[in-house]
């Protein structure tokens, strides 16, 4: 909508004020704080969690997989937090895209490229069309897979007998192991994506906020 307003031939004063107000809802300080938190808090947390997941996988038993659930809870918490951050950054940059011109759109192209990078990370987290691995709702599918095997091992109902199948017991353990592997890779992928995205935002910060010279109609 802001893009439409900016690219009208003559922007009405009220619309110009509206654009300014929307941009001011996403101050640069908030964007800087998000990137700093990623670098100092989220990335180390994800990296440490990946190491822990690998260690836990070596000591799994057929007891209730509380350690697996803890890992998936942490993964989901980090993913949800980062997704929220991404929406803020996308809005911070997107609301500052100026009127498109026939020339001098280099800064605008940088804005669009970084937004696409942010959207790619968001898709990886929430489960877009091309996402793979443990996304935001991975815990649900893990529990469903485990429950299906548990029902076979311990059926209910009249005359139901517990299964003695060694393969089923091994399958249950493998589900837990695979879940930890998926979580570990998701932690590492999250850390890598945020590391790369943070550098892109920092290196291009001037163009992201003010893609043209100071004489253009931009609000920082």
N, C-alpha and C. Protein backbone atom coordinates (compact mmCIF):
# COMPACT_ATOMS: atom_id res chain seq x y z
N UNK A 1 0.83 -1.20 0.00
CA UNK A 1 0.00 0.00 0.00
C UNK A 1 0.87 1.26 0.00
N UNK A 2 1.94 1.26 0.83
CA UNK A 2 2.83 2.41 0.86
C UNK A 2 3.53 2.59 -0.48
N UNK A 3 3.88 1.44 -1.12
CA UNK A 3 4.51 1.50 -2.44
C UNK A 3 3.57 2.19 -3.42
N UNK A 4 2.27 1.86 -3.36
CA UNK A 4 1.27 2.48 -4.24
C UNK A 4 1.20 3.99 -4.00
N UNK A 5 1.19 4.37 -2.73
CA UNK A 5 1.10 5.79 -2.39
C UNK A 5 2.32 6.54 -2.89
N UNK A 6 3.51 5.96 -2.66
CA UNK A 6 4.76 6.62 -3.04
C UNK A 6 4.84 6.84 -4.55
N UNK A 7 4.23 5.97 -5.32
CA UNK A 7 4.39 6.03 -6.76
C UNK A 7 3.22 6.72 -7.47
N UNK A 8 2.42 7.43 -6.74
CA UNK A 8 1.46 8.31 -7.37
C UNK A 8 2.21 9.51 -7.95
N UNK A 9 1.70 10.06 -9.03
CA UNK A 9 2.39 11.19 -9.67
C UNK A 9 2.53 12.37 -8.71
N UNK A 10 1.47 12.66 -7.98
CA UNK A 10 1.51 13.74 -6.99
C UNK A 10 0.94 13.19 -5.69
N UNK A 11 1.77 13.12 -4.66
CA UNK A 11 1.30 12.57 -3.41
C UNK A 11 0.53 13.63 -2.62
N UNK A 12 -0.74 13.37 -2.29
CA UNK A 12 -1.50 14.32 -1.48
C UNK A 12 -0.84 14.53 -0.13
N UNK A 13 -0.92 15.73 0.43
CA UNK A 13 -0.29 16.00 1.73
C UNK A 13 -0.70 15.01 2.82
N UNK A 14 -1.98 14.64 2.84
CA UNK A 14 -2.44 13.71 3.87
C UNK A 14 -1.76 12.35 3.72
N UNK A 15 -1.57 11.92 2.46
CA UNK A 15 -0.91 10.64 2.21
C UNK A 15 0.55 10.70 2.61
N UNK A 16 1.19 11.82 2.34
CA UNK A 16 2.59 12.00 2.74
C UNK A 16 2.74 11.91 4.25
N UNK A 17 1.80 12.51 4.97
CA UNK A 17 1.81 12.44 6.42
C UNK A 17 1.59 11.01 6.90
N UNK A 18 0.69 10.30 6.21
CA UNK A 18 0.42 8.91 6.57
C UNK A 18 1.66 8.04 6.41
N UNK A 19 2.36 8.22 5.29
CA UNK A 19 3.59 7.47 5.05
C UNK A 19 4.60 7.75 6.16
N UNK A 20 4.75 9.03 6.51
CA UNK A 20 5.69 9.42 7.57
C UNK A 20 5.33 8.75 8.89
N UNK A 21 4.04 8.73 9.23
CA UNK A 21 3.60 8.13 10.49
C UNK A 21 3.87 6.62 10.52
N UNK A 22 3.64 5.95 9.40
CA UNK A 22 3.89 4.51 9.36
C UNK A 22 5.37 4.21 9.54
N UNK A 23 6.21 4.98 8.86
CA UNK A 23 7.66 4.77 8.98
C UNK A 23 8.13 4.99 10.42
N UNK A 24 7.55 5.97 11.08
CA UNK A 24 7.97 6.27 12.45
C UNK A 24 7.56 5.18 13.43
N UNK A 25 6.65 4.30 13.03
CA UNK A 25 6.28 3.17 13.88
C UNK A 25 7.38 2.11 13.92
N UNK A 26 8.32 2.20 12.98
CA UNK A 26 9.40 1.22 12.90
C UNK A 26 10.74 1.95 12.91
N UNK A 27 11.13 2.48 14.07
CA UNK A 27 12.36 3.27 14.16
C UNK A 27 13.61 2.42 13.94
N UNK A 28 14.64 3.07 13.48
CA UNK A 28 15.90 2.38 13.19
C UNK A 28 16.50 1.74 14.44
N UNK A 29 16.33 2.37 15.59
CA UNK A 29 16.89 1.83 16.83
C UNK A 29 16.36 0.42 17.12
N UNK A 30 15.09 0.19 16.82
CA UNK A 30 14.51 -1.14 17.05
C UNK A 30 15.15 -2.18 16.13
N UNK A 31 15.36 -1.81 14.88
CA UNK A 31 16.00 -2.72 13.94
C UNK A 31 17.43 -3.05 14.37
N UNK A 32 18.16 -2.03 14.80
CA UNK A 32 19.52 -2.25 15.28
C UNK A 32 19.54 -3.17 16.50
N UNK A 33 18.58 -2.99 17.39
CA UNK A 33 18.51 -3.81 18.60
C UNK A 33 18.23 -5.28 18.25
N UNK A 34 17.39 -5.50 17.24
CA UNK A 34 17.09 -6.86 16.82
C UNK A 34 18.35 -7.55 16.31
N UNK A 35 19.07 -6.89 15.43
CA UNK A 35 20.28 -7.48 14.86
C UNK A 35 21.32 -7.73 15.95
N UNK A 36 21.47 -6.79 16.86
CA UNK A 36 22.42 -6.97 17.96
C UNK A 36 22.04 -8.15 18.83
N UNK A 37 20.74 -8.32 19.10
CA UNK A 37 20.27 -9.46 19.90
C UNK A 37 20.52 -10.78 19.18
N UNK A 38 20.33 -10.79 17.85
CA UNK A 38 20.63 -12.01 17.09
C UNK A 38 22.09 -12.41 17.26
N UNK A 39 22.97 -11.43 17.10
CA UNK A 39 24.40 -11.72 17.12
C UNK A 39 24.90 -12.10 18.52
N UNK A 40 24.37 -11.44 19.54
CA UNK A 40 24.87 -11.65 20.89
C UNK A 40 24.12 -12.74 21.68
N UNK A 41 22.85 -12.98 21.34
CA UNK A 41 22.03 -13.88 22.15
C UNK A 41 21.51 -15.08 21.35
N UNK A 42 20.79 -14.80 20.27
CA UNK A 42 20.09 -15.88 19.57
C UNK A 42 21.05 -16.85 18.89
N UNK A 43 22.04 -16.33 18.17
CA UNK A 43 22.98 -17.22 17.47
C UNK A 43 23.77 -18.08 18.44
N UNK A 44 24.34 -17.52 19.53
CA UNK A 44 25.01 -18.40 20.50
C UNK A 44 24.07 -19.42 21.12
N UNK A 45 22.83 -19.03 21.41
CA UNK A 45 21.86 -19.96 21.99
C UNK A 45 21.56 -21.11 21.03
N UNK A 46 21.38 -20.79 19.76
CA UNK A 46 21.10 -21.83 18.77
C UNK A 46 22.29 -22.75 18.58
N UNK A 47 23.48 -22.18 18.57
CA UNK A 47 24.70 -22.99 18.41
C UNK A 47 24.89 -23.93 19.60
N UNK A 48 24.71 -23.41 20.81
CA UNK A 48 24.83 -24.25 22.02
C UNK A 48 23.76 -25.33 22.05
N UNK A 49 22.55 -24.99 21.63
CA UNK A 49 21.46 -25.97 21.61
C UNK A 49 21.75 -27.09 20.62
N UNK A 50 22.37 -26.76 19.51
CA UNK A 50 22.74 -27.79 18.52
C UNK A 50 23.74 -28.77 19.13
N UNK A 51 24.69 -28.26 19.87
CA UNK A 51 25.68 -29.12 20.54
C UNK A 51 25.00 -30.02 21.57
N UNK A 52 24.09 -29.44 22.35
CA UNK A 52 23.37 -30.22 23.37
C UNK A 52 22.53 -31.32 22.73
N UNK A 53 21.86 -31.01 21.63
CA UNK A 53 21.03 -31.99 20.94
C UNK A 53 21.85 -33.17 20.47
N UNK A 54 23.05 -32.89 19.96
CA UNK A 54 23.94 -33.97 19.51
C UNK A 54 24.38 -34.84 20.68
N UNK A 55 24.63 -34.24 21.83
CA UNK A 55 25.06 -34.99 23.01
C UNK A 55 23.92 -35.84 23.56
N UNK A 56 22.72 -35.29 23.60
CA UNK A 56 21.56 -36.02 24.10
C UNK A 56 21.26 -37.23 23.23
N UNK A 57 21.44 -37.10 21.93
CA UNK A 57 21.15 -38.19 21.00
C UNK A 57 21.99 -39.42 21.30
N UNK A 58 23.13 -39.23 21.90
CA UNK A 58 24.01 -40.36 22.22
C UNK A 58 23.58 -41.10 23.48
N UNK A 59 22.68 -40.53 24.25
CA UNK A 59 22.30 -41.14 25.54
C UNK A 59 20.81 -41.45 25.62
N UNK A 60 20.12 -41.47 24.47
CA UNK A 60 18.69 -41.72 24.49
C UNK A 60 18.38 -43.14 24.93
N UNK A 61 17.27 -43.28 25.63
CA UNK A 61 16.73 -44.59 25.98
C UNK A 61 15.27 -44.59 25.58
N UNK A 62 14.55 -45.62 25.96
CA UNK A 62 13.13 -45.69 25.61
C UNK A 62 12.25 -45.08 26.70
N UNK A 63 12.85 -44.36 27.61
CA UNK A 63 12.09 -43.65 28.63
C UNK A 63 11.40 -42.46 27.98
N UNK A 64 10.43 -41.83 28.66
CA UNK A 64 9.78 -40.65 28.09
C UNK A 64 10.81 -39.63 27.62
N UNK A 65 10.71 -39.15 26.38
CA UNK A 65 11.77 -38.33 25.78
C UNK A 65 11.71 -36.86 26.19
N UNK A 66 11.81 -36.59 27.48
CA UNK A 66 11.71 -35.22 27.96
C UNK A 66 12.80 -34.34 27.37
N UNK A 67 14.00 -34.90 27.20
CA UNK A 67 15.09 -34.11 26.65
C UNK A 67 14.83 -33.74 25.19
N UNK A 68 14.16 -34.63 24.48
CA UNK A 68 13.80 -34.31 23.10
C UNK A 68 12.77 -33.17 23.09
N UNK A 69 11.79 -33.28 23.94
CA UNK A 69 10.76 -32.25 24.03
C UNK A 69 11.36 -30.90 24.43
N UNK A 70 12.31 -30.93 25.35
CA UNK A 70 12.97 -29.69 25.76
C UNK A 70 13.68 -29.04 24.57
N UNK A 71 14.36 -29.86 23.78
CA UNK A 71 15.06 -29.33 22.61
C UNK A 71 14.09 -28.73 21.60
N UNK A 72 12.97 -29.42 21.37
CA UNK A 72 11.99 -28.92 20.41
C UNK A 72 11.27 -27.67 20.92
N UNK A 73 11.05 -27.61 22.24
CA UNK A 73 10.45 -26.41 22.82
C UNK A 73 11.36 -25.20 22.64
N UNK A 74 12.66 -25.40 22.89
CA UNK A 74 13.61 -24.31 22.71
C UNK A 74 13.68 -23.88 21.24
N UNK A 75 13.69 -24.87 20.35
CA UNK A 75 13.73 -24.56 18.92
C UNK A 75 12.51 -23.74 18.51
N UNK A 76 11.35 -24.17 18.95
CA UNK A 76 10.12 -23.47 18.59
C UNK A 76 10.11 -22.05 19.16
N UNK A 77 10.60 -21.90 20.39
CA UNK A 77 10.64 -20.58 21.01
C UNK A 77 11.56 -19.63 20.24
N UNK A 78 12.74 -20.12 19.85
CA UNK A 78 13.67 -19.29 19.09
C UNK A 78 13.09 -18.95 17.72
N UNK A 79 12.48 -19.94 17.07
CA UNK A 79 11.92 -19.71 15.75
C UNK A 79 10.80 -18.67 15.79
N UNK A 80 9.92 -18.78 16.79
CA UNK A 80 8.82 -17.82 16.91
C UNK A 80 9.34 -16.41 17.18
N UNK A 81 10.34 -16.30 18.04
CA UNK A 81 10.92 -15.00 18.37
C UNK A 81 11.58 -14.37 17.14
N UNK A 82 12.35 -15.18 16.41
CA UNK A 82 13.04 -14.67 15.23
C UNK A 82 12.03 -14.29 14.15
N UNK A 83 10.98 -15.08 13.98
CA UNK A 83 9.96 -14.76 12.99
C UNK A 83 9.34 -13.39 13.27
N UNK A 84 9.06 -13.12 14.54
CA UNK A 84 8.53 -11.81 14.92
C UNK A 84 9.53 -10.70 14.60
N UNK A 85 10.81 -10.95 14.89
CA UNK A 85 11.85 -9.98 14.56
C UNK A 85 11.90 -9.71 13.06
N UNK A 86 11.78 -10.77 12.28
CA UNK A 86 11.85 -10.64 10.82
C UNK A 86 10.74 -9.75 10.29
N UNK A 87 9.54 -9.91 10.84
CA UNK A 87 8.42 -9.08 10.40
C UNK A 87 8.69 -7.61 10.70
N UNK A 88 9.32 -7.36 11.86
CA UNK A 88 9.65 -5.97 12.21
C UNK A 88 10.68 -5.39 11.24
N UNK A 89 11.71 -6.17 10.93
CA UNK A 89 12.75 -5.69 10.00
C UNK A 89 12.19 -5.49 8.60
N UNK A 90 11.35 -6.42 8.16
CA UNK A 90 10.73 -6.27 6.84
C UNK A 90 9.91 -4.99 6.78
N UNK A 91 9.17 -4.70 7.84
CA UNK A 91 8.38 -3.47 7.88
C UNK A 91 9.27 -2.24 7.96
N UNK A 92 10.35 -2.32 8.74
CA UNK A 92 11.26 -1.19 8.88
C UNK A 92 11.85 -0.80 7.53
N UNK A 93 12.27 -1.80 6.76
CA UNK A 93 12.87 -1.53 5.44
C UNK A 93 11.79 -1.23 4.40
N UNK A 94 10.74 -2.04 4.39
CA UNK A 94 9.71 -1.91 3.37
C UNK A 94 8.98 -0.58 3.40
N UNK A 95 8.78 -0.04 4.59
CA UNK A 95 8.08 1.25 4.68
C UNK A 95 8.96 2.42 4.27
N UNK A 96 10.24 2.14 4.00
CA UNK A 96 11.16 3.19 3.58
C UNK A 96 11.55 3.08 2.11
N UNK A 97 10.88 2.20 1.38
CA UNK A 97 11.10 2.14 -0.07
C UNK A 97 10.48 3.39 -0.69
N UNK A 98 11.28 4.21 -1.37
CA UNK A 98 10.76 5.48 -1.91
C UNK A 98 10.11 5.29 -3.27
N UNK A 99 9.72 6.40 -3.85
CA UNK A 99 9.16 6.39 -5.20
C UNK A 99 10.18 5.80 -6.18
N UNK A 100 9.72 4.88 -7.03
CA UNK A 100 10.59 4.31 -8.05
C UNK A 100 10.83 5.33 -9.15
N UNK A 101 12.09 5.43 -9.59
CA UNK A 101 12.45 6.37 -10.65
C UNK A 101 13.08 5.60 -11.80
N UNK A 102 13.19 6.26 -12.94
CA UNK A 102 13.82 5.61 -14.08
C UNK A 102 15.31 5.47 -13.87
N UNK A 103 15.87 6.23 -12.95
CA UNK A 103 17.29 6.16 -12.66
C UNK A 103 17.47 6.18 -11.14
N UNK A 104 18.67 5.93 -10.69
CA UNK A 104 19.01 6.01 -9.26
C UNK A 104 18.14 5.09 -8.41
N UNK A 105 18.02 3.82 -8.84
CA UNK A 105 17.27 2.84 -8.04
C UNK A 105 18.19 1.81 -7.39
N UNK A 106 19.49 2.08 -7.36
CA UNK A 106 20.43 1.13 -6.78
C UNK A 106 20.10 0.86 -5.33
N UNK A 107 19.87 1.94 -4.57
CA UNK A 107 19.55 1.76 -3.16
C UNK A 107 18.25 1.01 -2.96
N UNK A 108 17.27 1.27 -3.83
CA UNK A 108 15.98 0.58 -3.75
C UNK A 108 16.16 -0.91 -4.03
N UNK A 109 17.00 -1.24 -5.00
CA UNK A 109 17.25 -2.65 -5.31
C UNK A 109 17.91 -3.36 -4.14
N UNK A 110 18.74 -2.64 -3.39
CA UNK A 110 19.34 -3.21 -2.19
C UNK A 110 18.27 -3.48 -1.14
N UNK A 111 17.36 -2.53 -0.97
CA UNK A 111 16.25 -2.73 -0.03
C UNK A 111 15.45 -3.98 -0.39
N UNK A 112 15.11 -4.11 -1.66
CA UNK A 112 14.29 -5.23 -2.11
C UNK A 112 15.04 -6.55 -1.93
N UNK A 113 16.34 -6.55 -2.23
CA UNK A 113 17.14 -7.77 -2.10
C UNK A 113 17.22 -8.23 -0.65
N UNK A 114 17.41 -7.30 0.27
CA UNK A 114 17.49 -7.65 1.69
C UNK A 114 16.14 -8.12 2.21
N UNK A 115 15.07 -7.49 1.77
CA UNK A 115 13.73 -7.93 2.16
C UNK A 115 13.50 -9.37 1.71
N UNK A 116 13.90 -9.68 0.48
CA UNK A 116 13.75 -11.06 -0.02
C UNK A 116 14.56 -12.03 0.83
N UNK A 117 15.75 -11.61 1.26
CA UNK A 117 16.57 -12.47 2.13
C UNK A 117 15.87 -12.71 3.46
N UNK A 118 15.29 -11.66 4.02
CA UNK A 118 14.55 -11.80 5.27
C UNK A 118 13.34 -12.71 5.08
N UNK A 119 12.66 -12.58 3.98
CA UNK A 119 11.48 -13.41 3.70
C UNK A 119 11.87 -14.88 3.51
N UNK A 120 13.04 -15.13 2.96
CA UNK A 120 13.51 -16.50 2.80
C UNK A 120 13.75 -17.15 4.15
N UNK A 121 14.36 -16.41 5.06
CA UNK A 121 14.58 -16.94 6.42
C UNK A 121 13.24 -17.19 7.10
N UNK A 122 12.31 -16.27 6.94
CA UNK A 122 10.98 -16.44 7.54
C UNK A 122 10.29 -17.69 7.01
N UNK A 123 10.42 -17.93 5.70
CA UNK A 123 9.82 -19.12 5.09
C UNK A 123 10.44 -20.40 5.64
N UNK A 124 11.73 -20.36 5.89
CA UNK A 124 12.42 -21.52 6.46
C UNK A 124 11.91 -21.83 7.86
N UNK A 125 11.52 -20.80 8.59
CA UNK A 125 11.08 -20.98 9.97
C UNK A 125 9.64 -21.46 10.07
N UNK A 126 8.75 -20.83 9.33
CA UNK A 126 7.32 -21.12 9.49
C UNK A 126 6.82 -22.22 8.58
N UNK A 127 7.67 -22.66 7.64
CA UNK A 127 7.27 -23.77 6.80
C UNK A 127 6.68 -23.35 5.48
N UNK A 128 7.44 -22.61 4.68
CA UNK A 128 6.99 -22.21 3.36
C UNK A 128 7.06 -23.36 2.37
N UNK A 129 6.76 -23.07 1.13
CA UNK A 129 6.69 -24.11 0.09
C UNK A 129 8.02 -24.84 -0.10
N UNK A 130 9.14 -24.13 0.08
CA UNK A 130 10.44 -24.74 -0.17
C UNK A 130 11.20 -25.06 1.11
N UNK A 131 10.55 -24.96 2.24
CA UNK A 131 11.23 -25.21 3.51
C UNK A 131 11.39 -26.70 3.75
N UNK A 132 12.47 -27.05 4.40
CA UNK A 132 12.76 -28.44 4.77
C UNK A 132 13.22 -28.47 6.21
N UNK A 133 13.17 -29.65 6.82
CA UNK A 133 13.67 -29.79 8.18
C UNK A 133 12.64 -29.40 9.22
N UNK A 134 13.14 -29.11 10.42
CA UNK A 134 12.28 -28.83 11.57
C UNK A 134 11.82 -27.38 11.53
N UNK A 135 10.60 -27.15 11.11
CA UNK A 135 10.04 -25.80 11.08
C UNK A 135 9.25 -25.56 12.37
N UNK A 136 8.52 -24.45 12.40
CA UNK A 136 7.87 -23.99 13.63
C UNK A 136 6.92 -25.04 14.22
N UNK A 137 6.27 -25.85 13.39
CA UNK A 137 5.30 -26.83 13.88
C UNK A 137 5.84 -28.26 13.90
N UNK A 138 7.15 -28.39 13.92
CA UNK A 138 7.76 -29.72 13.86
C UNK A 138 7.38 -30.59 15.05
N UNK A 139 7.23 -30.00 16.21
CA UNK A 139 6.94 -30.76 17.42
C UNK A 139 5.64 -31.56 17.28
N UNK A 140 4.65 -30.99 16.62
CA UNK A 140 3.37 -31.67 16.44
C UNK A 140 3.55 -32.96 15.64
N UNK A 141 4.30 -32.88 14.54
CA UNK A 141 4.49 -34.07 13.71
C UNK A 141 5.34 -35.11 14.43
N UNK A 142 6.30 -34.65 15.23
CA UNK A 142 7.11 -35.59 16.01
C UNK A 142 6.24 -36.37 17.00
N UNK A 143 5.38 -35.66 17.73
CA UNK A 143 4.52 -36.31 18.71
C UNK A 143 3.54 -37.27 18.04
N UNK A 144 3.04 -36.89 16.87
CA UNK A 144 2.11 -37.76 16.14
C UNK A 144 2.79 -39.06 15.72
N UNK A 145 4.02 -38.95 15.23
CA UNK A 145 4.77 -40.14 14.82
C UNK A 145 5.05 -41.05 16.01
N UNK A 146 5.41 -40.44 17.11
CA UNK A 146 5.73 -41.23 18.30
C UNK A 146 4.47 -41.90 18.87
N UNK A 147 3.37 -41.18 18.87
CA UNK A 147 2.12 -41.72 19.41
C UNK A 147 1.66 -42.93 18.60
N UNK A 148 1.85 -42.88 17.29
CA UNK A 148 1.42 -44.00 16.43
C UNK A 148 2.16 -45.28 16.79
N UNK A 149 3.45 -45.17 17.07
CA UNK A 149 4.24 -46.35 17.45
C UNK A 149 3.90 -46.79 18.87
N UNK A 150 3.70 -45.82 19.76
CA UNK A 150 3.34 -46.16 21.14
C UNK A 150 2.02 -46.94 21.20
N UNK A 151 1.08 -46.58 20.35
CA UNK A 151 -0.21 -47.29 20.33
C UNK A 151 -0.04 -48.73 19.89
N UNK A 152 0.90 -48.96 18.98
CA UNK A 152 1.16 -50.33 18.53
C UNK A 152 1.88 -51.14 19.61
N UNK A 153 2.76 -50.47 20.35
CA UNK A 153 3.49 -51.17 21.42
C UNK A 153 2.59 -51.44 22.61
N UNK A 154 1.68 -50.55 22.90
CA UNK A 154 0.79 -50.69 24.05
C UNK A 154 -0.66 -50.44 23.64
N UNK A 155 -1.26 -51.36 22.89
CA UNK A 155 -2.64 -51.17 22.43
C UNK A 155 -3.62 -51.19 23.59
N UNK A 156 -4.75 -50.53 23.40
CA UNK A 156 -5.80 -50.51 24.42
C UNK A 156 -7.00 -51.30 23.92
N UNK A 157 -7.91 -51.57 24.81
CA UNK A 157 -9.10 -52.32 24.43
C UNK A 157 -9.09 -53.73 24.99
N UNK A 158 -10.22 -54.38 24.87
CA UNK A 158 -10.38 -55.74 25.39
C UNK A 158 -9.43 -56.70 24.70
N UNK A 159 -8.78 -57.53 25.50
CA UNK A 159 -7.85 -58.56 25.01
C UNK A 159 -6.63 -57.99 24.30
N UNK A 160 -6.38 -56.71 24.46
CA UNK A 160 -5.20 -56.12 23.82
C UNK A 160 -3.93 -56.60 24.50
N UNK A 161 -2.94 -56.91 23.72
CA UNK A 161 -1.67 -57.40 24.24
C UNK A 161 -0.54 -56.48 23.77
N UNK A 162 0.35 -56.12 24.69
CA UNK A 162 1.50 -55.30 24.29
C UNK A 162 2.32 -56.01 23.22
N UNK A 163 2.82 -55.24 22.28
CA UNK A 163 3.64 -55.81 21.22
C UNK A 163 5.04 -56.11 21.76
N UNK A 164 5.58 -57.24 21.31
CA UNK A 164 6.94 -57.63 21.68
C UNK A 164 7.92 -57.37 20.54
N UNK A 165 7.45 -56.66 19.53
CA UNK A 165 8.27 -56.43 18.34
C UNK A 165 9.50 -55.59 18.67
N UNK A 166 10.66 -56.17 18.44
CA UNK A 166 11.91 -55.42 18.65
C UNK A 166 12.04 -54.28 17.64
N UNK A 167 11.49 -54.48 16.45
CA UNK A 167 11.58 -53.46 15.42
C UNK A 167 10.77 -52.22 15.80
N UNK A 168 9.59 -52.45 16.42
CA UNK A 168 8.78 -51.31 16.86
C UNK A 168 9.49 -50.51 17.94
N UNK A 169 10.13 -51.23 18.87
CA UNK A 169 10.87 -50.54 19.92
C UNK A 169 12.04 -49.76 19.33
N UNK A 170 12.69 -50.35 18.35
CA UNK A 170 13.80 -49.66 17.70
C UNK A 170 13.29 -48.45 16.92
N UNK A 171 12.10 -48.59 16.33
CA UNK A 171 11.52 -47.48 15.57
C UNK A 171 11.22 -46.29 16.48
N UNK A 172 10.73 -46.59 17.68
CA UNK A 172 10.43 -45.52 18.63
C UNK A 172 11.69 -44.75 18.99
N UNK A 173 12.76 -45.49 19.24
CA UNK A 173 14.04 -44.86 19.56
C UNK A 173 14.56 -44.06 18.38
N UNK A 174 14.33 -44.60 17.17
CA UNK A 174 14.81 -43.90 15.97
C UNK A 174 14.06 -42.60 15.75
N UNK A 175 12.77 -42.58 16.08
CA UNK A 175 11.98 -41.35 15.96
C UNK A 175 12.57 -40.27 16.85
N UNK A 176 12.93 -40.64 18.08
CA UNK A 176 13.54 -39.68 18.99
C UNK A 176 14.89 -39.20 18.47
N UNK A 177 15.68 -40.13 17.98
CA UNK A 177 17.01 -39.78 17.45
C UNK A 177 16.90 -38.86 16.24
N UNK A 178 15.96 -39.19 15.34
CA UNK A 178 15.77 -38.35 14.15
C UNK A 178 15.28 -36.96 14.52
N UNK A 179 14.43 -36.89 15.54
CA UNK A 179 13.92 -35.58 15.98
C UNK A 179 15.05 -34.71 16.50
N UNK A 180 15.94 -35.30 17.25
CA UNK A 180 17.09 -34.54 17.76
C UNK A 180 18.02 -34.12 16.64
N UNK A 181 18.20 -35.01 15.66
CA UNK A 181 19.04 -34.65 14.52
C UNK A 181 18.42 -33.49 13.75
N UNK A 182 17.11 -33.56 13.52
CA UNK A 182 16.42 -32.46 12.82
C UNK A 182 16.52 -31.16 13.61
N UNK A 183 16.37 -31.26 14.93
CA UNK A 183 16.47 -30.06 15.77
C UNK A 183 17.88 -29.48 15.71
N UNK A 184 18.88 -30.36 15.78
CA UNK A 184 20.27 -29.89 15.74
C UNK A 184 20.55 -29.15 14.42
N UNK A 185 20.13 -29.74 13.31
CA UNK A 185 20.35 -29.09 12.02
C UNK A 185 19.57 -27.79 11.90
N UNK A 186 18.37 -27.77 12.48
CA UNK A 186 17.56 -26.54 12.45
C UNK A 186 18.22 -25.43 13.27
N UNK A 187 18.80 -25.78 14.42
CA UNK A 187 19.52 -24.79 15.22
C UNK A 187 20.69 -24.22 14.43
N UNK A 188 21.46 -25.10 13.79
CA UNK A 188 22.63 -24.66 13.03
C UNK A 188 22.21 -23.81 11.83
N UNK A 189 21.12 -24.21 11.16
CA UNK A 189 20.63 -23.46 10.01
C UNK A 189 20.14 -22.08 10.44
N UNK A 190 19.45 -22.03 11.57
CA UNK A 190 18.96 -20.76 12.10
C UNK A 190 20.13 -19.83 12.39
N UNK A 191 21.16 -20.36 13.04
CA UNK A 191 22.33 -19.55 13.38
C UNK A 191 23.01 -19.04 12.11
N UNK A 192 23.16 -19.90 11.11
CA UNK A 192 23.81 -19.50 9.86
C UNK A 192 22.99 -18.44 9.13
N UNK A 193 21.68 -18.64 9.06
CA UNK A 193 20.81 -17.68 8.36
C UNK A 193 20.84 -16.32 9.03
N UNK A 194 20.79 -16.31 10.36
CA UNK A 194 20.80 -15.03 11.08
C UNK A 194 22.16 -14.36 10.98
N UNK A 195 23.21 -15.15 10.99
CA UNK A 195 24.56 -14.58 10.85
C UNK A 195 24.69 -13.87 9.50
N UNK A 196 24.28 -14.55 8.44
CA UNK A 196 24.38 -13.96 7.10
C UNK A 196 23.46 -12.76 6.95
N UNK A 197 22.24 -12.87 7.47
CA UNK A 197 21.28 -11.78 7.35
C UNK A 197 21.72 -10.56 8.15
N UNK A 198 22.27 -10.80 9.34
CA UNK A 198 22.75 -9.69 10.17
C UNK A 198 23.83 -8.90 9.46
N UNK A 199 24.77 -9.60 8.83
CA UNK A 199 25.84 -8.93 8.11
C UNK A 199 25.28 -8.12 6.94
N UNK A 200 24.31 -8.71 6.23
CA UNK A 200 23.69 -7.99 5.10
C UNK A 200 23.01 -6.71 5.56
N UNK A 201 22.30 -6.80 6.69
CA UNK A 201 21.62 -5.61 7.21
C UNK A 201 22.62 -4.56 7.67
N UNK A 202 23.66 -4.98 8.38
CA UNK A 202 24.65 -4.04 8.89
C UNK A 202 25.41 -3.36 7.75
N UNK A 203 25.88 -4.16 6.80
CA UNK A 203 26.69 -3.63 5.70
C UNK A 203 25.90 -2.67 4.81
N UNK A 204 24.58 -2.88 4.73
CA UNK A 204 23.77 -2.06 3.84
C UNK A 204 22.83 -1.12 4.59
N UNK A 205 23.13 -0.88 5.85
CA UNK A 205 22.20 -0.13 6.70
C UNK A 205 21.86 1.25 6.15
N UNK A 206 22.84 1.95 5.59
CA UNK A 206 22.57 3.30 5.08
C UNK A 206 21.58 3.26 3.92
N UNK A 207 21.80 2.33 2.99
CA UNK A 207 20.90 2.24 1.83
C UNK A 207 19.54 1.70 2.23
N UNK A 208 19.49 0.86 3.25
CA UNK A 208 18.21 0.29 3.67
C UNK A 208 17.28 1.35 4.25
N UNK A 209 17.86 2.32 4.94
CA UNK A 209 17.07 3.37 5.57
C UNK A 209 16.92 4.58 4.67
N UNK A 210 17.95 4.92 3.94
CA UNK A 210 17.92 6.08 3.05
C UNK A 210 18.57 5.70 1.72
N UNK A 211 17.79 5.08 0.81
CA UNK A 211 18.36 4.55 -0.43
C UNK A 211 18.83 5.61 -1.42
N UNK A 212 18.43 6.86 -1.22
CA UNK A 212 18.88 7.93 -2.09
C UNK A 212 19.53 9.02 -1.24
N UNK A 213 19.84 10.14 -1.84
CA UNK A 213 20.53 11.20 -1.09
C UNK A 213 19.56 11.88 -0.13
N UNK A 214 20.11 12.66 0.76
CA UNK A 214 19.31 13.25 1.85
C UNK A 214 18.27 14.23 1.36
N UNK A 215 18.37 14.66 0.12
CA UNK A 215 17.41 15.62 -0.41
C UNK A 215 16.11 14.96 -0.84
N UNK A 216 16.13 13.60 -0.94
CA UNK A 216 14.91 12.89 -1.29
C UNK A 216 13.96 12.82 -0.10
N UNK A 217 12.73 12.48 -0.37
CA UNK A 217 11.70 12.45 0.66
C UNK A 217 11.79 11.16 1.46
N UNK A 218 12.71 11.09 2.42
CA UNK A 218 12.89 9.90 3.23
C UNK A 218 12.83 10.27 4.71
N UNK A 219 12.33 9.37 5.50
CA UNK A 219 12.24 9.57 6.95
C UNK A 219 12.99 8.46 7.62
N UNK A 220 13.95 8.77 8.44
CA UNK A 220 14.73 7.73 9.13
C UNK A 220 14.24 7.56 10.55
